[in-house]
């Protein structure tokens, strides 16, 4: 049983049907329809749930948002980490690392890249390829953030993307204002 299946089972009770590949069915908590389910596991992606009738969907964090709507994002992440540890005890498994998929399957290419870049620290700087320096710095930074704030690497990537979108929008807004000011000065 995957973490998301376990989490939903803890709330809604045993599934009405299990397919064995991470896909299980319950009555939808929103519309009551029988087509609410966890989607089959795809190791490169987050495990998600969806109702085919009312389109209620999300991942484990979204499920907790549904259960605790007044809780802020940080508190929800803390609760999610605690629940993952509890699930790991039930599964006799280690909690997921940032290199693990939803079912604890390791993404060896990312982990291997990280370890290769970490090993570069032991080599003299002139021997490093330029791309490795940037990649290594990014991965070491990401690992430090993930360890310190106890968030998943995918959440970190999403937050970084949201920040970059915000920064780009602010720059474009500033550029429009400067353009408008220049046009105003030319008309005088």
N, C-alpha and C. Protein backbone atom coordinates (compact mmCIF):
# COMPACT_ATOMS: atom_id res chain seq x y z
N UNK A 1 0.86 -1.18 0.00
CA UNK A 1 0.00 0.00 0.00
C UNK A 1 0.90 1.24 0.00
N UNK A 2 0.60 2.16 -0.93
CA UNK A 2 1.40 3.38 -1.01
C UNK A 2 1.03 4.34 0.12
N UNK A 3 1.84 5.37 0.30
CA UNK A 3 1.57 6.35 1.35
C UNK A 3 0.21 7.02 1.14
N UNK A 4 -0.08 7.43 -0.09
CA UNK A 4 -1.35 8.11 -0.36
C UNK A 4 -2.53 7.18 -0.10
N UNK A 5 -2.43 5.93 -0.52
CA UNK A 5 -3.50 4.96 -0.24
C UNK A 5 -3.69 4.81 1.26
N UNK A 6 -2.59 4.71 1.99
CA UNK A 6 -2.67 4.56 3.45
C UNK A 6 -3.32 5.79 4.08
N UNK A 7 -2.91 6.98 3.60
CA UNK A 7 -3.44 8.24 4.15
C UNK A 7 -4.95 8.34 3.93
N UNK A 8 -5.41 8.02 2.76
CA UNK A 8 -6.84 8.09 2.47
C UNK A 8 -7.60 6.99 3.23
N UNK A 9 -7.00 5.81 3.34
CA UNK A 9 -7.62 4.72 4.10
C UNK A 9 -7.78 5.11 5.56
N UNK A 10 -6.81 5.81 6.12
CA UNK A 10 -6.90 6.26 7.52
C UNK A 10 -8.09 7.19 7.71
N UNK A 11 -8.47 7.93 6.66
CA UNK A 11 -9.57 8.89 6.75
C UNK A 11 -10.91 8.29 6.34
N UNK A 12 -10.94 7.60 5.20
CA UNK A 12 -12.21 7.11 4.65
C UNK A 12 -12.50 5.64 4.96
N UNK A 13 -11.54 4.93 5.49
CA UNK A 13 -11.72 3.51 5.73
C UNK A 13 -11.18 2.69 4.57
N UNK A 14 -11.37 1.39 4.65
CA UNK A 14 -10.83 0.49 3.62
C UNK A 14 -11.40 0.81 2.26
N UNK A 15 -10.59 0.68 1.21
CA UNK A 15 -11.08 0.95 -0.14
C UNK A 15 -12.12 -0.09 -0.57
N UNK A 16 -13.00 0.31 -1.47
CA UNK A 16 -14.00 -0.62 -1.99
C UNK A 16 -13.37 -1.55 -3.03
N UNK A 17 -12.27 -1.12 -3.63
CA UNK A 17 -11.58 -1.93 -4.62
C UNK A 17 -10.11 -1.53 -4.66
N UNK A 18 -9.21 -2.52 -4.77
CA UNK A 18 -7.78 -2.29 -4.90
C UNK A 18 -7.27 -3.00 -6.14
N UNK A 19 -6.42 -2.27 -6.92
CA UNK A 19 -5.87 -2.86 -8.15
C UNK A 19 -4.43 -3.33 -7.96
N UNK A 20 -3.79 -2.96 -6.86
CA UNK A 20 -2.46 -3.46 -6.56
C UNK A 20 -1.32 -2.64 -7.13
N UNK A 21 -1.58 -1.68 -7.98
CA UNK A 21 -0.52 -0.85 -8.57
C UNK A 21 -0.57 0.58 -8.05
N UNK A 22 -1.11 0.73 -6.85
CA UNK A 22 -1.27 2.06 -6.27
C UNK A 22 -2.64 2.64 -6.52
N UNK A 23 -3.46 1.91 -7.25
CA UNK A 23 -4.80 2.38 -7.58
C UNK A 23 -5.82 1.69 -6.67
N UNK A 24 -6.56 2.52 -5.91
CA UNK A 24 -7.61 2.02 -5.03
C UNK A 24 -8.80 2.95 -5.13
N UNK A 25 -10.00 2.43 -4.85
CA UNK A 25 -11.24 3.19 -5.00
C UNK A 25 -11.98 3.33 -3.68
N UNK A 26 -12.60 4.51 -3.46
CA UNK A 26 -13.47 4.80 -2.32
C UNK A 26 -14.63 5.65 -2.82
N UNK A 27 -15.67 5.81 -2.01
CA UNK A 27 -16.69 6.81 -2.34
C UNK A 27 -16.04 8.21 -2.20
N UNK A 28 -16.35 9.09 -3.14
CA UNK A 28 -15.74 10.43 -3.13
C UNK A 28 -16.20 11.23 -1.91
N UNK A 29 -15.28 11.86 -1.17
CA UNK A 29 -15.68 12.66 -0.01
C UNK A 29 -16.43 13.94 -0.41
N UNK A 30 -16.34 14.35 -1.68
CA UNK A 30 -17.04 15.55 -2.14
C UNK A 30 -18.43 15.25 -2.69
N UNK A 31 -18.51 14.29 -3.63
CA UNK A 31 -19.79 14.05 -4.31
C UNK A 31 -20.39 12.69 -3.96
N UNK A 32 -19.63 11.80 -3.29
CA UNK A 32 -20.14 10.50 -2.90
C UNK A 32 -20.10 9.45 -4.00
N UNK A 33 -19.63 9.82 -5.18
CA UNK A 33 -19.59 8.88 -6.29
C UNK A 33 -18.52 7.82 -6.08
N UNK A 34 -18.70 6.65 -6.67
CA UNK A 34 -17.78 5.53 -6.46
C UNK A 34 -16.52 5.61 -7.29
N UNK A 35 -16.36 6.63 -8.13
CA UNK A 35 -15.20 6.69 -9.02
C UNK A 35 -14.08 7.57 -8.48
N UNK A 36 -14.02 7.78 -7.18
CA UNK A 36 -12.90 8.47 -6.53
C UNK A 36 -11.80 7.44 -6.31
N UNK A 37 -10.57 7.74 -6.75
CA UNK A 37 -9.52 6.74 -6.64
C UNK A 37 -8.13 7.38 -6.61
N UNK A 38 -7.18 6.59 -6.14
CA UNK A 38 -5.78 6.97 -6.28
C UNK A 38 -5.36 6.45 -7.65
N UNK A 39 -4.56 7.23 -8.33
CA UNK A 39 -4.14 6.84 -9.67
C UNK A 39 -3.01 5.82 -9.59
N UNK A 40 -2.80 5.04 -10.62
CA UNK A 40 -1.69 4.07 -10.60
C UNK A 40 -0.36 4.80 -10.41
N UNK A 41 0.56 4.16 -9.71
CA UNK A 41 1.85 4.77 -9.41
C UNK A 41 2.69 4.88 -10.68
N UNK A 42 3.26 6.06 -10.88
CA UNK A 42 4.25 6.29 -11.93
C UNK A 42 5.46 6.89 -11.22
N UNK A 43 6.56 6.15 -11.10
CA UNK A 43 7.68 6.55 -10.25
C UNK A 43 8.23 7.96 -10.50
N UNK A 44 8.14 8.48 -11.70
CA UNK A 44 8.68 9.82 -11.97
C UNK A 44 7.76 10.94 -11.51
N UNK A 45 6.51 10.60 -11.10
CA UNK A 45 5.53 11.61 -10.76
C UNK A 45 5.00 11.39 -9.34
N UNK A 46 4.42 12.45 -8.77
CA UNK A 46 3.77 12.33 -7.47
C UNK A 46 2.57 11.41 -7.61
N UNK A 47 2.29 10.67 -6.57
CA UNK A 47 1.10 9.83 -6.55
C UNK A 47 -0.09 10.73 -6.25
N UNK A 48 -1.13 10.62 -7.03
CA UNK A 48 -2.27 11.53 -6.92
C UNK A 48 -3.59 10.77 -6.79
N UNK A 49 -4.62 11.52 -6.36
CA UNK A 49 -5.98 10.99 -6.31
C UNK A 49 -6.86 11.84 -7.22
N UNK A 50 -8.00 11.26 -7.62
CA UNK A 50 -8.91 12.00 -8.49
C UNK A 50 -10.29 11.36 -8.45
N UNK A 51 -11.31 12.21 -8.53
CA UNK A 51 -12.68 11.74 -8.72
C UNK A 51 -13.04 12.05 -10.17
N UNK A 52 -13.47 11.03 -10.89
CA UNK A 52 -13.81 11.21 -12.30
C UNK A 52 -15.11 11.97 -12.47
N UNK A 53 -15.92 12.04 -11.42
CA UNK A 53 -17.22 12.71 -11.56
C UNK A 53 -17.13 14.20 -11.23
N UNK A 54 -16.59 14.56 -10.05
CA UNK A 54 -16.59 15.97 -9.64
C UNK A 54 -15.23 16.65 -9.85
N UNK A 55 -14.23 15.89 -10.30
CA UNK A 55 -12.90 16.40 -10.61
C UNK A 55 -12.13 16.85 -9.37
N UNK A 56 -12.51 16.36 -8.18
CA UNK A 56 -11.72 16.60 -6.97
C UNK A 56 -10.42 15.83 -7.14
N UNK A 57 -9.27 16.50 -7.03
CA UNK A 57 -7.98 15.86 -7.30
C UNK A 57 -6.88 16.50 -6.48
N UNK A 58 -5.73 15.79 -6.42
CA UNK A 58 -4.57 16.33 -5.75
C UNK A 58 -3.60 15.23 -5.32
N UNK A 59 -2.67 15.63 -4.43
CA UNK A 59 -1.70 14.69 -3.89
C UNK A 59 -1.88 14.63 -2.37
N UNK A 60 -0.92 14.06 -1.67
CA UNK A 60 -1.05 13.90 -0.21
C UNK A 60 -1.21 15.24 0.50
N UNK A 61 -0.45 16.26 0.06
CA UNK A 61 -0.56 17.58 0.69
C UNK A 61 -1.95 18.18 0.44
N UNK A 62 -2.50 17.97 -0.75
CA UNK A 62 -3.85 18.47 -1.04
C UNK A 62 -4.90 17.74 -0.20
N UNK A 63 -4.67 16.45 0.05
CA UNK A 63 -5.59 15.69 0.90
C UNK A 63 -5.60 16.27 2.31
N UNK A 64 -4.41 16.62 2.83
CA UNK A 64 -4.35 17.21 4.16
C UNK A 64 -4.99 18.60 4.18
N UNK A 65 -4.86 19.34 3.09
CA UNK A 65 -5.52 20.65 2.99
C UNK A 65 -7.03 20.48 3.10
N UNK A 66 -7.55 19.43 2.50
CA UNK A 66 -8.98 19.14 2.58
C UNK A 66 -9.39 18.83 4.02
N UNK A 67 -8.54 18.09 4.73
CA UNK A 67 -8.86 17.70 6.12
C UNK A 67 -8.65 18.83 7.11
N UNK A 68 -7.62 19.66 6.87
CA UNK A 68 -7.25 20.75 7.80
C UNK A 68 -7.16 22.06 7.02
N UNK A 69 -8.29 22.63 6.60
CA UNK A 69 -8.26 23.80 5.73
C UNK A 69 -7.68 25.07 6.37
N UNK A 70 -7.67 25.16 7.68
CA UNK A 70 -7.15 26.36 8.33
C UNK A 70 -5.65 26.29 8.62
N UNK A 71 -5.07 25.14 8.42
CA UNK A 71 -3.65 24.93 8.71
C UNK A 71 -2.79 25.57 7.61
N UNK A 72 -1.73 26.29 8.01
CA UNK A 72 -0.87 26.90 7.00
C UNK A 72 0.03 25.84 6.35
N UNK A 73 0.69 26.22 5.27
CA UNK A 73 1.46 25.28 4.47
C UNK A 73 2.57 24.60 5.28
N UNK A 74 3.29 25.36 6.08
CA UNK A 74 4.38 24.80 6.89
C UNK A 74 3.88 23.76 7.88
N UNK A 75 2.77 24.06 8.55
CA UNK A 75 2.20 23.11 9.51
C UNK A 75 1.71 21.85 8.78
N UNK A 76 1.15 22.04 7.58
CA UNK A 76 0.69 20.90 6.80
C UNK A 76 1.87 20.01 6.40
N UNK A 77 3.00 20.62 6.02
CA UNK A 77 4.19 19.84 5.68
C UNK A 77 4.72 19.07 6.89
N UNK A 78 4.70 19.72 8.05
CA UNK A 78 5.13 19.03 9.28
C UNK A 78 4.23 17.83 9.56
N UNK A 79 2.93 18.05 9.43
CA UNK A 79 1.97 16.95 9.65
C UNK A 79 2.21 15.84 8.63
N UNK A 80 2.47 16.21 7.37
CA UNK A 80 2.71 15.24 6.32
C UNK A 80 3.96 14.42 6.61
N UNK A 81 5.03 15.07 7.07
CA UNK A 81 6.26 14.34 7.42
C UNK A 81 6.01 13.37 8.57
N UNK A 82 5.26 13.79 9.57
CA UNK A 82 4.93 12.90 10.69
C UNK A 82 4.12 11.70 10.23
N UNK A 83 3.17 11.95 9.34
CA UNK A 83 2.36 10.85 8.82
C UNK A 83 3.18 9.89 7.96
N UNK A 84 4.14 10.44 7.20
CA UNK A 84 5.02 9.58 6.40
C UNK A 84 5.84 8.65 7.31
N UNK A 85 6.31 9.18 8.43
CA UNK A 85 7.07 8.36 9.37
C UNK A 85 6.18 7.27 9.97
N UNK A 86 4.94 7.64 10.30
CA UNK A 86 4.01 6.65 10.85
C UNK A 86 3.72 5.56 9.80
N UNK A 87 3.51 5.98 8.54
CA UNK A 87 3.28 5.02 7.46
C UNK A 87 4.50 4.10 7.30
N UNK A 88 5.71 4.68 7.38
CA UNK A 88 6.93 3.89 7.22
C UNK A 88 7.02 2.82 8.31
N UNK A 89 6.58 3.15 9.53
CA UNK A 89 6.57 2.16 10.60
C UNK A 89 5.63 1.01 10.26
N UNK A 90 4.48 1.35 9.68
CA UNK A 90 3.52 0.31 9.29
C UNK A 90 4.07 -0.55 8.15
N UNK A 91 4.90 0.02 7.33
CA UNK A 91 5.44 -0.69 6.17
C UNK A 91 6.78 -1.35 6.45
N UNK A 92 7.32 -1.13 7.65
CA UNK A 92 8.66 -1.60 7.99
C UNK A 92 9.67 -1.12 6.95
N UNK A 93 9.54 0.16 6.60
CA UNK A 93 10.42 0.75 5.60
C UNK A 93 10.99 2.05 6.13
N UNK A 94 12.01 2.53 5.48
CA UNK A 94 12.58 3.82 5.83
C UNK A 94 11.73 4.92 5.22
N UNK A 95 11.65 6.10 5.88
CA UNK A 95 10.96 7.22 5.25
C UNK A 95 11.66 7.59 3.95
N UNK A 96 10.88 8.15 3.03
CA UNK A 96 11.43 8.48 1.71
C UNK A 96 12.53 9.52 1.80
N UNK A 97 13.52 9.39 0.95
CA UNK A 97 14.53 10.42 0.80
C UNK A 97 14.12 11.29 -0.37
N UNK A 98 14.85 12.37 -0.63
CA UNK A 98 14.51 13.22 -1.76
C UNK A 98 14.75 12.49 -3.06
N UNK A 99 15.47 11.37 -3.04
CA UNK A 99 15.75 10.64 -4.25
C UNK A 99 14.78 9.49 -4.47
N UNK A 100 13.77 9.37 -3.63
CA UNK A 100 12.86 8.23 -3.73
C UNK A 100 11.56 8.64 -4.37
N UNK A 101 10.94 7.71 -5.08
CA UNK A 101 9.62 7.91 -5.63
C UNK A 101 8.59 7.66 -4.55
N UNK A 102 7.31 7.74 -4.88
CA UNK A 102 6.23 7.59 -3.92
C UNK A 102 6.28 6.23 -3.23
N UNK A 103 6.71 5.21 -3.93
CA UNK A 103 6.71 3.86 -3.35
C UNK A 103 8.08 3.50 -2.78
N UNK A 104 8.98 4.47 -2.64
CA UNK A 104 10.30 4.19 -2.08
C UNK A 104 11.27 3.68 -3.12
N UNK A 105 10.92 3.73 -4.41
CA UNK A 105 11.83 3.30 -5.46
C UNK A 105 12.82 4.43 -5.71
N UNK A 106 14.09 4.10 -5.73
CA UNK A 106 15.09 5.14 -5.88
C UNK A 106 15.20 5.59 -7.32
N UNK A 107 15.34 6.90 -7.46
CA UNK A 107 15.62 7.46 -8.77
C UNK A 107 17.13 7.51 -8.88
N UNK A 108 17.71 6.43 -9.39
CA UNK A 108 19.16 6.27 -9.35
C UNK A 108 19.90 7.30 -10.18
N UNK A 109 19.29 7.76 -11.26
CA UNK A 109 20.00 8.72 -12.09
C UNK A 109 20.23 10.03 -11.33
N UNK A 110 19.21 10.51 -10.61
CA UNK A 110 19.37 11.74 -9.84
C UNK A 110 20.34 11.52 -8.69
N UNK A 111 20.18 10.41 -7.97
CA UNK A 111 21.07 10.13 -6.86
C UNK A 111 22.51 9.96 -7.34
N UNK A 112 22.69 9.25 -8.45
CA UNK A 112 24.03 9.04 -8.99
C UNK A 112 24.65 10.37 -9.42
N UNK A 113 23.88 11.23 -10.06
CA UNK A 113 24.38 12.54 -10.47
C UNK A 113 24.79 13.35 -9.25
N UNK A 114 23.95 13.29 -8.21
CA UNK A 114 24.26 14.04 -6.99
C UNK A 114 25.57 13.55 -6.38
N UNK A 115 25.74 12.24 -6.29
CA UNK A 115 26.95 11.69 -5.70
C UNK A 115 28.18 12.01 -6.55
N UNK A 116 28.04 11.94 -7.88
CA UNK A 116 29.16 12.29 -8.75
C UNK A 116 29.57 13.74 -8.55
N UNK A 117 28.59 14.61 -8.45
CA UNK A 117 28.91 16.02 -8.26
C UNK A 117 29.51 16.27 -6.88
N UNK A 118 29.01 15.56 -5.89
CA UNK A 118 29.59 15.69 -4.55
C UNK A 118 31.05 15.25 -4.54
N UNK A 119 31.39 14.18 -5.29
CA UNK A 119 32.77 13.70 -5.36
C UNK A 119 33.70 14.70 -6.02
N UNK A 120 33.15 15.58 -6.83
CA UNK A 120 33.98 16.60 -7.48
C UNK A 120 34.62 17.54 -6.45
N UNK A 121 33.99 17.66 -5.29
CA UNK A 121 34.56 18.52 -4.24
C UNK A 121 35.97 18.09 -3.87
N UNK A 122 36.26 16.81 -4.03
CA UNK A 122 37.57 16.29 -3.65
C UNK A 122 38.62 16.52 -4.73
N UNK A 123 38.21 16.93 -5.92
CA UNK A 123 39.15 17.17 -7.01
C UNK A 123 39.56 18.64 -7.04
N UNK A 124 40.74 18.92 -7.59
CA UNK A 124 41.15 20.33 -7.72
C UNK A 124 40.19 21.06 -8.67
N UNK A 125 39.90 22.32 -8.35
CA UNK A 125 38.94 23.11 -9.12
C UNK A 125 39.25 23.15 -10.62
N UNK A 126 40.51 23.31 -11.07
CA UNK A 126 40.75 23.37 -12.52
C UNK A 126 40.32 22.10 -13.27
N UNK A 127 40.17 20.97 -12.59
CA UNK A 127 39.76 19.74 -13.24
C UNK A 127 38.25 19.65 -13.46
N UNK A 128 37.49 20.57 -12.86
CA UNK A 128 36.04 20.51 -12.96
C UNK A 128 35.58 21.07 -14.30
N UNK A 129 34.59 20.44 -14.86
CA UNK A 129 33.94 21.02 -16.04
C UNK A 129 33.00 22.12 -15.54
N UNK A 130 32.84 23.18 -16.32
CA UNK A 130 32.05 24.34 -15.89
C UNK A 130 30.62 23.93 -15.52
N UNK A 131 30.00 23.08 -16.32
CA UNK A 131 28.63 22.65 -16.03
C UNK A 131 28.51 21.91 -14.71
N UNK A 132 29.51 21.13 -14.36
CA UNK A 132 29.49 20.40 -13.09
C UNK A 132 29.54 21.34 -11.90
N UNK A 133 30.28 22.42 -12.03
CA UNK A 133 30.38 23.38 -10.91
C UNK A 133 29.00 23.95 -10.61
N UNK A 134 28.31 24.43 -11.63
CA UNK A 134 26.98 25.00 -11.43
C UNK A 134 26.02 23.94 -10.91
N UNK A 135 26.04 22.74 -11.51
CA UNK A 135 25.15 21.66 -11.08
C UNK A 135 25.43 21.23 -9.66
N UNK A 136 26.69 21.11 -9.31
CA UNK A 136 27.06 20.68 -7.97
C UNK A 136 26.60 21.71 -6.94
N UNK A 137 26.83 22.98 -7.23
CA UNK A 137 26.39 24.03 -6.30
C UNK A 137 24.88 23.98 -6.11
N UNK A 138 24.16 23.80 -7.22
CA UNK A 138 22.70 23.75 -7.15
C UNK A 138 22.23 22.55 -6.33
N UNK A 139 22.84 21.39 -6.53
CA UNK A 139 22.41 20.19 -5.80
C UNK A 139 22.78 20.26 -4.32
N UNK A 140 23.94 20.79 -4.01
CA UNK A 140 24.32 20.94 -2.60
C UNK A 140 23.38 21.92 -1.92
N UNK A 141 23.07 23.03 -2.62
CA UNK A 141 22.13 24.02 -2.07
C UNK A 141 20.76 23.36 -1.86
N UNK A 142 20.27 22.62 -2.87
CA UNK A 142 18.96 21.98 -2.78
C UNK A 142 18.93 20.98 -1.62
N UNK A 143 19.99 20.18 -1.46
CA UNK A 143 20.04 19.21 -0.38
C UNK A 143 19.98 19.91 0.98
N UNK A 144 20.70 21.03 1.11
CA UNK A 144 20.70 21.78 2.37
C UNK A 144 19.31 22.32 2.68
N UNK A 145 18.62 22.86 1.67
CA UNK A 145 17.28 23.40 1.87
C UNK A 145 16.31 22.27 2.24
N UNK A 146 16.37 21.16 1.53
CA UNK A 146 15.49 20.03 1.79
C UNK A 146 15.71 19.50 3.21
N UNK A 147 16.97 19.38 3.62
CA UNK A 147 17.27 18.89 4.97
C UNK A 147 16.81 19.87 6.04
N UNK A 148 17.05 21.17 5.82
CA UNK A 148 16.74 22.16 6.83
C UNK A 148 15.24 22.36 7.01
N UNK A 149 14.51 22.45 5.89
CA UNK A 149 13.08 22.76 5.97
C UNK A 149 12.18 21.53 5.86
N UNK A 150 12.78 20.35 5.68
CA UNK A 150 12.04 19.10 5.60
C UNK A 150 10.92 19.15 4.57
N UNK A 151 11.29 19.57 3.36
CA UNK A 151 10.34 19.57 2.26
C UNK A 151 10.86 18.62 1.18
N UNK A 152 10.01 18.23 0.27
CA UNK A 152 10.45 17.35 -0.80
C UNK A 152 11.15 18.15 -1.88
N UNK A 153 11.97 17.49 -2.67
CA UNK A 153 12.69 18.17 -3.74
C UNK A 153 11.71 18.72 -4.77
N UNK A 154 10.58 18.03 -4.98
CA UNK A 154 9.59 18.53 -5.95
C UNK A 154 8.93 19.80 -5.44
N UNK A 155 8.67 19.89 -4.10
CA UNK A 155 8.12 21.13 -3.55
C UNK A 155 9.12 22.27 -3.68
N UNK A 156 10.40 21.97 -3.46
CA UNK A 156 11.43 22.99 -3.62
C UNK A 156 11.47 23.48 -5.07
N UNK A 157 11.41 22.57 -6.02
CA UNK A 157 11.42 22.96 -7.44
C UNK A 157 10.20 23.81 -7.77
N UNK A 158 9.03 23.42 -7.25
CA UNK A 158 7.82 24.19 -7.50
C UNK A 158 7.92 25.58 -6.92
N UNK A 159 8.42 25.69 -5.68
CA UNK A 159 8.57 27.01 -5.05
C UNK A 159 9.55 27.89 -5.83
N UNK A 160 10.64 27.29 -6.29
CA UNK A 160 11.62 28.05 -7.08
C UNK A 160 10.99 28.54 -8.37
N UNK A 161 10.22 27.68 -9.02
CA UNK A 161 9.55 28.07 -10.27
C UNK A 161 8.56 29.20 -10.02
N UNK A 162 7.78 29.10 -8.94
CA UNK A 162 6.83 30.16 -8.61
C UNK A 162 7.55 31.47 -8.35
N UNK A 163 8.68 31.41 -7.65
CA UNK A 163 9.47 32.61 -7.37
C UNK A 163 9.98 33.23 -8.67
N UNK A 164 10.50 32.39 -9.57
CA UNK A 164 11.02 32.91 -10.84
C UNK A 164 9.91 33.55 -11.68
N UNK A 165 8.73 32.95 -11.68
CA UNK A 165 7.59 33.53 -12.39
C UNK A 165 7.24 34.89 -11.80
N UNK A 166 7.23 34.97 -10.46
CA UNK A 166 6.93 36.23 -9.78
C UNK A 166 7.97 37.29 -10.11
N UNK A 167 9.26 36.92 -10.06
CA UNK A 167 10.33 37.86 -10.36
C UNK A 167 10.21 38.36 -11.80
N UNK A 168 9.93 37.45 -12.73
CA UNK A 168 9.79 37.83 -14.13
C UNK A 168 8.62 38.80 -14.31
N UNK A 169 7.50 38.52 -13.64
CA UNK A 169 6.34 39.40 -13.73
C UNK A 169 6.65 40.78 -13.17
N UNK A 170 7.37 40.82 -12.04
CA UNK A 170 7.73 42.11 -11.44
C UNK A 170 8.67 42.89 -12.36
N UNK A 171 9.61 42.20 -12.99
CA UNK A 171 10.52 42.88 -13.93
C UNK A 171 9.75 43.44 -15.11
N UNK A 172 8.82 42.65 -15.66
CA UNK A 172 8.02 43.12 -16.78
C UNK A 172 7.15 44.31 -16.38
N UNK A 173 6.60 44.27 -15.18
CA UNK A 173 5.79 45.38 -14.68
C UNK A 173 6.65 46.63 -14.55
N UNK A 174 7.85 46.48 -13.99
CA UNK A 174 8.76 47.62 -13.86
C UNK A 174 9.16 48.18 -15.21
N UNK A 175 9.38 47.30 -16.18
CA UNK A 175 9.75 47.73 -17.53
C UNK A 175 8.60 48.51 -18.17
N UNK A 176 7.36 48.07 -17.98
CA UNK A 176 6.21 48.80 -18.52
C UNK A 176 6.10 50.18 -17.90
N UNK A 177 6.33 50.26 -16.60
CA UNK A 177 6.26 51.55 -15.91
C UNK A 177 7.35 52.47 -16.43
N UNK A 178 8.58 51.96 -16.58
CA UNK A 178 9.67 52.79 -17.10
C UNK A 178 9.38 53.27 -18.52
N UNK A 179 8.82 52.37 -19.35
CA UNK A 179 8.46 52.75 -20.72
C UNK A 179 7.42 53.85 -20.72
N UNK A 180 6.40 53.70 -19.87
CA UNK A 180 5.34 54.70 -19.79
C UNK A 180 5.91 56.04 -19.34
N UNK A 181 6.85 55.99 -18.39
CA UNK A 181 7.47 57.23 -17.90
C UNK A 181 8.29 57.88 -19.00
N UNK A 182 9.02 57.08 -19.79
CA UNK A 182 9.81 57.63 -20.89
C UNK A 182 8.91 58.27 -21.93
N UNK A 183 7.79 57.62 -22.25
CA UNK A 183 6.85 58.20 -23.21
C UNK A 183 6.28 59.51 -22.69
N UNK A 184 5.99 59.56 -21.39
CA UNK A 184 5.46 60.78 -20.78
C UNK A 184 6.45 61.93 -20.86
N UNK A 185 7.73 61.65 -20.68
CA UNK A 185 8.76 62.70 -20.76
C UNK A 185 8.93 63.19 -22.19
N UNK A 186 8.81 62.29 -23.16
CA UNK A 186 8.96 62.69 -24.57
C UNK A 186 7.83 63.59 -25.02
N UNK A 187 6.63 63.40 -24.50
CA UNK A 187 5.47 64.20 -24.91
C UNK A 187 5.54 65.62 -24.38
N UNK A 188 6.24 65.87 -23.33
CA UNK A 188 6.29 67.21 -22.71
C UNK A 188 7.12 68.12 -23.50
